[in-house]
Amino acid sequence: MHQYPQQPSSREPGRAPRRSRRAVWISAGVACALLAGGGGFAAWKYEWFSGNGEAVSFGKNPAPAADTGAKKKSPETAATPTPSGDPDVLMPSGPKSAFKQTAKLDDGTVIAKTRLTGAKSGFEGDVWVWAPKEYDDPKYAKSAFPVLIALPGGNGYPANYWSDRSLGLQKAVSEGVKAGTSLPFILVMPVLNPDAKYYYDGSDIPGQAKMGTWMAEDVPDFARANFRTYKSRDGWAFMGNSSGAFVGLKHVMQHPDKFKAVIANGGEIVPDSPLWKGHQAEMDANNPEKLAQKLIDTKGPEVLVAFQYGTKEGGRARLDKFQQQFGKGPVKVTIHEIVGGDHNGWDYVRGMKESALQEVSKVLKAPKPDAG
């Protein structure tokens, strides 16, 4: 059984840039690998893409015991394990989504994609998912797993770059599980915006696609429909880069009853979509600073904000200001400096391995293996 971490930390200074609205260009790295050519690429291609496009499912439940009663169970009911004694465990509620593999990792786990039409937002977009090796381990068949909703920076449309294995997020979680520094998170990676033209600040801006409802309601409902999750906020967190960091921070401040923590990389703190023009009151209602103050004033539930920034991008002053003003009462704020780090996913993953995954893992609920 894995030992999971018990305590948080923080670190040192830098300077503040304005929000970067550029994506991490994963395709450039892939192109370089392609140009390298040769047998190395052939092996790489086989490992990364073998089985891509094929239907996959998550949670291989053991075969049901023989039913000797007069009434026969349906195969679906029979194959579903009974949850553990923890009343917080929620077994997949359905309906199940149709997943297709988009990448395969060295440990045999896969990243898969599906199309989700949000029942509450009405928005339709792609969502990628990854489950750790432990999720299919029979001893965890009755246990829930914590969910980390991973958001990209830049436009975050039509793809979510965290679904590209080259960034190493999935590997970082797997290695952290082995080292006892990370929980075995289910990663849910939705598109961030409804198009590549504007930034919607993960909010229900009047007259626009309801991206706040998509992120806070439809995406978690989708995870609950397909995976063994926790009912309480103790099993839910966000992680995001740049504009995605803002969205994650905003939702944790706005819905502390649903989400308990956020890893905010290159953290952005205030809404700045041009689509807010003429809607100041609604914009204020989606401002993490105002939401944090409200949480403090109402003595709301405790939340963790784990900021990260790279010394090559700066931004420490902005994060320090947020920590000084709002890091009190129920709002716990840590800041991790990534030495030599820049504004990109690779360096943020390095920071997560150094600190942030461990910090968030300490406040969330670990899966529990079957005592038998």
Protein backbone atom coordinates (compact mmCIF):
# COMPACT_ATOMS: atom_id res chain seq x y z
CA MET A 1 0.00 0.00 0.00
CA HIS A 2 1.34 3.48 -0.91
CA GLN A 3 2.21 5.96 1.80
CA TYR A 4 0.72 9.35 0.97
CA PRO A 5 2.16 12.74 2.02
CA GLN A 6 1.17 14.60 5.17
CA GLN A 7 2.56 18.22 5.07
CA PRO A 8 2.83 21.33 2.71
CA SER A 9 5.68 23.93 1.87
CA SER A 10 6.55 27.22 0.04
CA ARG A 11 9.52 29.19 -1.53
CA GLU A 12 11.21 32.45 -2.99
CA PRO A 13 10.84 35.72 -5.13
CA GLY A 14 10.43 36.96 -8.80
CA ARG A 15 8.72 39.66 -10.92
CA ALA A 16 5.26 39.99 -12.52
CA PRO A 17 4.45 39.74 -16.25
CA ARG A 18 0.97 40.30 -17.68
CA ARG A 19 -1.01 37.19 -18.54
CA SER A 20 0.55 35.15 -21.35
CA ARG A 21 -2.09 34.13 -23.86
CA ARG A 22 0.07 31.70 -25.80
CA ALA A 23 -0.23 27.95 -25.89
CA VAL A 24 2.59 25.53 -25.27
CA TRP A 25 3.47 24.44 -28.78
CA ILE A 26 3.59 20.71 -28.38
CA SER A 27 3.55 20.22 -32.13
CA ALA A 28 7.00 21.78 -32.43
CA GLY A 29 8.49 19.13 -30.16
CA VAL A 30 6.72 16.40 -32.07
CA ALA A 31 8.02 17.80 -35.36
CA CYS A 32 11.59 17.70 -34.03
CA ALA A 33 11.16 14.08 -33.05
CA LEU A 34 9.82 13.30 -36.51
CA LEU A 35 12.79 15.00 -38.16
CA ALA A 36 15.17 12.92 -36.05
CA GLY A 37 13.91 9.89 -38.01
CA GLY A 38 15.49 6.44 -37.94
CA GLY A 39 14.79 3.39 -35.83
CA GLY A 40 14.47 5.48 -32.67
CA PHE A 41 11.43 7.21 -34.10
CA ALA A 42 9.97 3.89 -35.25
CA ALA A 43 10.10 2.60 -31.68
CA TRP A 44 8.80 5.90 -30.33
CA LYS A 45 5.93 5.87 -32.80
CA TYR A 46 5.02 2.31 -31.89
CA GLU A 47 5.04 3.00 -28.16
CA TRP A 48 3.10 6.26 -28.33
CA PHE A 49 0.55 5.47 -30.99
CA SER A 50 -0.05 1.72 -30.88
CA GLY A 51 -3.80 1.24 -30.50
CA ASN A 52 -4.69 4.87 -31.13
CA GLY A 53 -8.24 5.31 -32.35
CA GLU A 54 -9.36 2.07 -30.72
CA ALA A 55 -12.20 1.98 -28.20
CA VAL A 56 -11.05 1.74 -24.60
CA SER A 57 -12.73 1.48 -21.20
CA PHE A 58 -11.60 2.23 -17.66
CA GLY A 59 -12.08 0.11 -14.57
CA LYS A 60 -11.71 -3.59 -15.36
CA ASN A 61 -13.99 -5.06 -12.72
CA PRO A 62 -13.60 -8.71 -11.72
CA ALA A 63 -16.08 -11.26 -13.08
CA PRO A 64 -19.19 -11.58 -10.87
CA ALA A 65 -19.71 -14.57 -8.62
CA ALA A 66 -22.24 -17.17 -9.78
CA ASP A 67 -25.80 -16.19 -9.00
CA THR A 68 -27.73 -19.14 -7.61
CA GLY A 69 -30.89 -17.17 -6.84
CA ALA A 70 -34.06 -17.42 -8.88
CA LYS A 71 -33.73 -13.85 -10.14
CA LYS A 72 -30.83 -13.29 -12.55
CA LYS A 73 -28.80 -10.10 -12.38
CA SER A 74 -28.09 -8.21 -15.56
CA PRO A 75 -24.42 -8.48 -16.64
CA GLU A 76 -23.88 -4.79 -15.99
CA THR A 77 -25.29 -4.94 -12.46
CA ALA A 78 -23.48 -8.18 -11.64
CA ALA A 79 -20.09 -6.87 -12.75
CA THR A 80 -20.29 -3.67 -10.70
CA PRO A 81 -18.51 -3.99 -7.33
CA THR A 82 -20.31 -2.85 -4.21
CA PRO A 83 -18.67 0.32 -2.86
CA SER A 84 -16.47 0.08 0.22
CA GLY A 85 -17.84 1.02 3.64
CA ASP A 86 -16.92 4.67 2.98
CA PRO A 87 -20.20 6.55 2.31
CA ASP A 88 -18.17 9.12 0.35
CA VAL A 89 -17.46 6.61 -2.45
CA LEU A 90 -19.55 7.03 -5.59
CA MET A 91 -19.48 4.23 -8.14
CA PRO A 92 -19.82 5.28 -11.83
CA SER A 93 -23.33 6.64 -12.23
CA GLY A 94 -23.47 6.47 -16.04
CA PRO A 95 -24.29 6.87 -18.78
CA LYS A 96 -20.88 5.69 -19.93
CA SER A 97 -19.04 7.73 -22.56
CA ALA A 98 -17.43 6.22 -25.65
CA PHE A 99 -13.65 6.66 -25.31
CA LYS A 100 -11.02 6.29 -28.02
CA GLN A 101 -7.33 6.00 -27.25
CA THR A 102 -5.14 8.96 -28.22
CA ALA A 103 -1.85 7.89 -26.58
CA LYS A 104 -0.34 4.98 -24.70
CA LEU A 105 2.16 5.29 -21.85
CA ASP A 106 5.09 3.04 -21.04
CA ASP A 107 3.24 1.52 -18.06
CA GLY A 108 0.36 0.41 -20.29
CA THR A 109 -2.07 3.13 -19.18
CA VAL A 110 -3.78 5.13 -21.90
CA ILE A 111 -5.00 8.64 -22.58
CA ALA A 112 -8.39 8.62 -24.26
CA LYS A 113 -10.79 11.16 -25.73
CA THR A 114 -14.55 11.50 -25.90
CA ARG A 115 -17.06 14.13 -26.98
CA LEU A 116 -19.18 15.62 -24.22
CA THR A 117 -22.40 17.57 -24.60
CA GLY A 118 -22.92 19.39 -21.32
CA ALA A 119 -26.41 18.74 -19.99
CA LYS A 120 -26.32 21.96 -17.93
CA SER A 121 -24.26 24.31 -20.10
CA GLY A 122 -25.42 23.10 -23.50
CA PHE A 123 -21.80 23.38 -24.70
CA GLU A 124 -20.30 20.48 -26.65
CA GLY A 125 -16.55 19.86 -26.56
CA ASP A 126 -13.80 17.27 -26.35
CA VAL A 127 -12.56 15.83 -23.07
CA TRP A 128 -9.46 13.67 -22.57
CA VAL A 129 -8.99 11.36 -19.60
CA TRP A 130 -6.26 9.26 -18.01
CA ALA A 131 -6.55 6.84 -15.10
CA PRO A 132 -3.51 5.63 -13.12
CA LYS A 133 -2.49 1.99 -13.04
CA GLU A 134 -3.96 1.64 -9.56
CA TYR A 135 -7.45 2.32 -10.90
CA ASP A 136 -7.57 -1.14 -12.51
CA ASP A 137 -5.95 -2.89 -9.54
CA PRO A 138 -8.56 -5.34 -8.09
CA LYS A 139 -7.78 -4.25 -4.54
CA TYR A 140 -9.06 -0.75 -5.37
CA ALA A 141 -12.17 -1.96 -7.24
CA LYS A 142 -14.45 -0.67 -4.47
CA SER A 143 -12.57 2.56 -3.83
CA ALA A 144 -13.01 6.05 -5.21
CA PHE A 145 -10.08 8.03 -6.67
CA PRO A 146 -9.34 11.76 -6.47
CA VAL A 147 -9.87 13.79 -9.65
CA LEU A 148 -7.51 16.49 -10.94
CA ILE A 149 -9.06 18.64 -13.69
CA ALA A 150 -6.07 19.73 -15.79
CA LEU A 151 -6.46 22.92 -17.85
CA PRO A 152 -4.12 24.27 -20.55
CA GLY A 153 -3.01 27.83 -21.12
CA GLY A 154 -3.38 29.71 -24.36
CA ASN A 155 -6.63 29.23 -26.24
CA GLY A 156 -7.19 25.74 -24.86
CA TYR A 157 -9.18 24.95 -27.99
CA PRO A 158 -9.69 22.73 -29.95
CA ALA A 159 -7.27 20.61 -27.90
CA ASN A 160 -6.02 20.37 -24.33
CA TYR A 161 -2.24 19.99 -24.50
CA TRP A 162 -2.10 18.07 -21.20
CA SER A 163 -3.40 15.12 -23.23
CA ASP A 164 -0.02 14.97 -24.98
CA ARG A 165 2.18 12.50 -23.12
CA SER A 166 5.34 14.40 -24.09
CA LEU A 167 4.69 16.95 -21.34
CA GLY A 168 5.00 14.18 -18.77
CA LEU A 169 2.06 15.03 -16.51
CA GLN A 170 0.75 11.46 -16.38
CA LYS A 171 4.26 10.13 -15.79
CA ALA A 172 4.79 12.67 -12.99
CA VAL A 173 1.68 11.41 -11.22
CA SER A 174 2.71 7.76 -11.65
CA GLU A 175 6.23 8.42 -10.37
CA GLY A 176 4.82 10.42 -7.46
CA VAL A 177 2.56 7.53 -6.50
CA LYS A 178 5.56 5.19 -6.40
CA ALA A 179 7.56 7.72 -4.36
CA GLY A 180 4.65 8.39 -1.97
CA THR A 181 4.53 12.09 -2.95
CA SER A 182 1.36 12.08 -5.05
CA LEU A 183 -2.06 10.53 -4.94
CA PRO A 184 -3.04 8.42 -7.97
CA PHE A 185 -5.18 11.09 -9.59
CA ILE A 186 -7.65 10.52 -12.38
CA LEU A 187 -6.78 13.30 -14.85
CA VAL A 188 -9.70 14.93 -16.67
CA MET A 189 -8.59 17.31 -19.44
CA PRO A 190 -11.41 19.30 -21.08
CA VAL A 191 -11.17 22.05 -23.68
CA LEU A 192 -10.85 25.43 -21.97
CA ASN A 193 -12.71 27.69 -24.40
CA PRO A 194 -15.49 27.21 -26.98
CA ASP A 195 -13.38 28.67 -29.81
CA ALA A 196 -9.90 29.99 -30.55
CA LYS A 197 -11.01 33.62 -30.96
CA TYR A 198 -11.67 34.77 -27.39
CA TYR A 199 -10.90 33.92 -23.77
CA TYR A 200 -14.03 33.22 -21.75
CA ASP A 201 -12.37 33.14 -18.29
CA GLY A 202 -14.07 29.81 -17.53
CA SER A 203 -17.21 31.81 -16.79
CA ASP A 204 -20.85 32.26 -17.83
CA ILE A 205 -20.38 35.60 -19.55
CA PRO A 206 -23.82 36.95 -20.52
CA GLY A 207 -24.71 36.10 -24.11
CA GLN A 208 -21.80 33.66 -24.49
CA ALA A 209 -21.24 29.91 -24.15
CA LYS A 210 -21.64 28.90 -20.50
CA MET A 211 -18.05 27.88 -19.87
CA GLY A 212 -18.39 28.34 -16.11
CA THR A 213 -21.21 25.82 -15.96
CA TRP A 214 -19.31 23.51 -18.33
CA MET A 215 -16.26 23.52 -16.06
CA ALA A 216 -17.92 23.46 -12.64
CA GLU A 217 -20.89 21.20 -13.42
CA ASP A 218 -20.72 19.27 -16.68
CA VAL A 219 -17.08 18.17 -16.50
CA PRO A 220 -17.37 16.84 -12.90
CA ASP A 221 -20.71 15.18 -13.76
CA PHE A 222 -18.96 13.48 -16.69
CA ALA A 223 -16.21 12.21 -14.37
CA ARG A 224 -18.78 10.89 -11.90
CA ALA A 225 -20.64 9.13 -14.72
CA ASN A 226 -17.54 7.25 -15.87
CA PHE A 227 -15.25 6.77 -12.86
CA ARG A 228 -15.25 5.83 -9.19
CA THR A 229 -15.07 9.22 -7.52
CA TYR A 230 -15.61 10.83 -4.13
CA LYS A 231 -18.92 12.58 -3.47
CA SER A 232 -17.31 15.24 -1.31
CA ARG A 233 -14.94 18.04 -2.30
CA ASP A 234 -12.15 16.05 -0.64
CA GLY A 235 -11.66 14.24 -3.95
CA TRP A 236 -11.65 17.21 -6.34
CA ALA A 237 -8.98 19.72 -7.45
CA PHE A 238 -7.88 21.80 -10.43
CA MET A 239 -4.50 22.33 -12.08
CA GLY A 240 -3.91 24.87 -14.82
CA ASN A 241 -1.39 26.93 -16.74
CA SER A 242 -1.69 30.68 -17.31
CA SER A 243 -5.30 31.32 -18.47
CA GLY A 244 -6.13 27.79 -17.27
CA ALA A 245 -4.60 28.65 -13.88
CA PHE A 246 -7.01 31.56 -13.62
CA VAL A 247 -9.97 29.31 -14.40
CA GLY A 248 -8.92 26.72 -11.81
CA LEU A 249 -8.29 29.39 -9.16
CA LYS A 250 -11.63 31.05 -9.89
CA HIS A 251 -13.62 27.83 -9.57
CA VAL A 252 -11.99 26.82 -6.28
CA MET A 253 -12.76 30.28 -4.84
CA GLN A 254 -16.27 30.27 -6.33
CA HIS A 255 -17.22 26.69 -5.44
CA PRO A 256 -15.32 25.74 -2.27
CA ASP A 257 -18.12 23.29 -1.52
CA LYS A 258 -17.17 21.32 -4.66
CA PHE A 259 -13.41 21.77 -5.07
CA LYS A 260 -10.73 21.82 -2.40
CA ALA A 261 -7.48 22.85 -4.10
CA VAL A 262 -5.81 24.26 -7.19
CA ILE A 263 -2.30 24.14 -8.63
CA ALA A 264 -2.02 27.49 -10.44
CA ASN A 265 0.97 27.62 -12.80
CA GLY A 266 2.16 31.04 -13.92
CA GLY A 267 -0.89 32.05 -11.93
CA GLU A 268 -3.30 34.63 -13.29
CA ILE A 269 -5.57 36.24 -10.77
CA VAL A 270 -8.13 38.62 -12.32
CA PRO A 271 -10.65 38.19 -15.17
CA ASP A 272 -9.67 40.01 -18.37
CA SER A 273 -11.80 38.68 -21.23
CA PRO A 274 -12.94 41.49 -23.57
CA LEU A 275 -16.34 39.78 -23.56
CA TRP A 276 -17.03 41.15 -20.06
CA LYS A 277 -17.54 44.65 -21.52
CA GLY A 278 -20.84 46.02 -20.22
CA HIS A 279 -21.11 43.30 -17.55
CA GLN A 280 -19.10 44.65 -14.61
CA ALA A 281 -21.27 43.04 -11.91
CA GLU A 282 -20.99 39.62 -13.51
CA MET A 283 -17.24 40.11 -14.00
CA ASP A 284 -16.83 40.99 -10.30
CA ALA A 285 -18.77 37.83 -9.40
CA ASN A 286 -16.05 35.85 -11.22
CA ASN A 287 -13.04 37.68 -9.80
CA PRO A 288 -10.90 35.36 -7.58
CA GLU A 289 -9.79 38.30 -5.40
CA LYS A 290 -13.38 39.26 -4.56
CA LEU A 291 -14.35 35.59 -4.18
CA ALA A 292 -11.43 34.97 -1.83
CA GLN A 293 -12.44 37.93 0.34
CA LYS A 294 -16.01 36.64 0.46
CA LEU A 295 -14.72 33.22 1.51
CA ILE A 296 -12.70 34.84 4.31
CA ASP A 297 -15.60 37.04 5.44
CA THR A 298 -18.06 34.16 5.56
CA LYS A 299 -15.53 31.81 7.20
CA GLY A 300 -16.11 29.35 4.38
CA PRO A 301 -14.52 25.91 3.98
CA GLU A 302 -10.73 25.72 3.79
CA VAL A 303 -9.14 25.70 0.33
CA LEU A 304 -5.55 25.40 -0.87
CA VAL A 305 -4.01 27.57 -3.60
CA ALA A 306 -0.62 26.17 -4.68
CA PHE A 307 0.95 28.79 -6.95
CA GLN A 308 3.96 27.98 -9.15
CA TYR A 309 6.09 30.26 -11.27
CA GLY A 310 9.40 29.95 -13.14
CA THR A 311 12.27 32.33 -12.44
CA LYS A 312 12.62 33.01 -16.19
CA GLU A 313 9.03 34.24 -16.44
CA GLY A 314 8.84 36.10 -13.15
CA GLY A 315 5.51 36.89 -11.56
CA ARG A 316 6.38 36.52 -7.88
CA ALA A 317 5.21 40.02 -6.90
CA ARG A 318 1.68 39.34 -8.11
CA LEU A 319 1.53 36.04 -6.24
CA ASP A 320 3.00 37.55 -3.08
CA LYS A 321 0.34 40.27 -3.17
CA PHE A 322 -2.46 37.69 -3.40
CA GLN A 323 -0.92 35.67 -0.56
CA GLN A 324 -0.55 38.74 1.66
CA GLN A 325 -4.07 40.02 1.02
CA PHE A 326 -6.04 36.77 0.89
CA GLY A 327 -3.85 34.02 2.37
CA LYS A 328 -5.68 34.03 5.68
CA GLY A 329 -8.54 32.23 7.40
CA PRO A 330 -9.84 29.46 5.13
CA VAL A 331 -7.66 30.49 2.15
CA LYS A 332 -4.30 28.72 2.38
CA VAL A 333 -1.72 29.94 -0.16
CA THR A 334 1.70 28.50 -1.00
CA ILE A 335 4.17 29.69 -3.64
CA HIS A 336 6.72 27.42 -5.29
CA GLU A 337 9.60 28.87 -7.30
CA ILE A 338 10.79 26.74 -10.23
CA VAL A 339 14.46 27.65 -10.56
CA GLY A 340 15.33 28.23 -14.23
CA GLY A 341 11.70 27.57 -15.15
CA ASP A 342 9.86 29.39 -17.93
CA HIS A 343 6.22 29.80 -18.97
CA ASN A 344 5.67 26.29 -20.35
CA GLY A 345 4.17 22.93 -19.45
CA TRP A 346 7.46 21.05 -19.19
CA ASP A 347 8.80 23.37 -16.48
CA TYR A 348 5.47 23.42 -14.64
CA VAL A 349 5.49 19.62 -14.55
CA ARG A 350 8.97 19.81 -13.05
CA GLY A 351 7.60 22.12 -10.37
CA MET A 352 4.71 19.77 -9.70
CA LYS A 353 7.17 16.94 -9.15
CA GLU A 354 9.22 19.15 -6.81
CA SER A 355 6.35 20.39 -4.70
CA ALA A 356 2.81 21.06 -5.95
CA LEU A 357 1.54 17.50 -6.45
CA GLN A 358 2.64 16.68 -2.92
CA GLU A 359 0.99 19.79 -1.45
CA VAL A 360 -2.35 19.08 -3.08
CA SER A 361 -2.15 15.37 -2.26
CA LYS A 362 -1.91 16.22 1.44
CA VAL A 363 -5.34 17.86 1.51
CA LEU A 364 -7.21 15.40 -0.72
CA LYS A 365 -8.51 11.93 -0.08
CA ALA A 366 -6.48 8.86 -1.07
CA PRO A 367 -8.07 5.71 -2.49
CA LYS A 368 -8.40 2.90 0.02
CA PRO A 369 -7.48 -0.68 -0.91
CA ASP A 370 -9.86 -3.51 -0.01
CA ALA A 371 -8.90 -4.86 3.41
CA GLY A 372 -9.52 -8.39 2.12
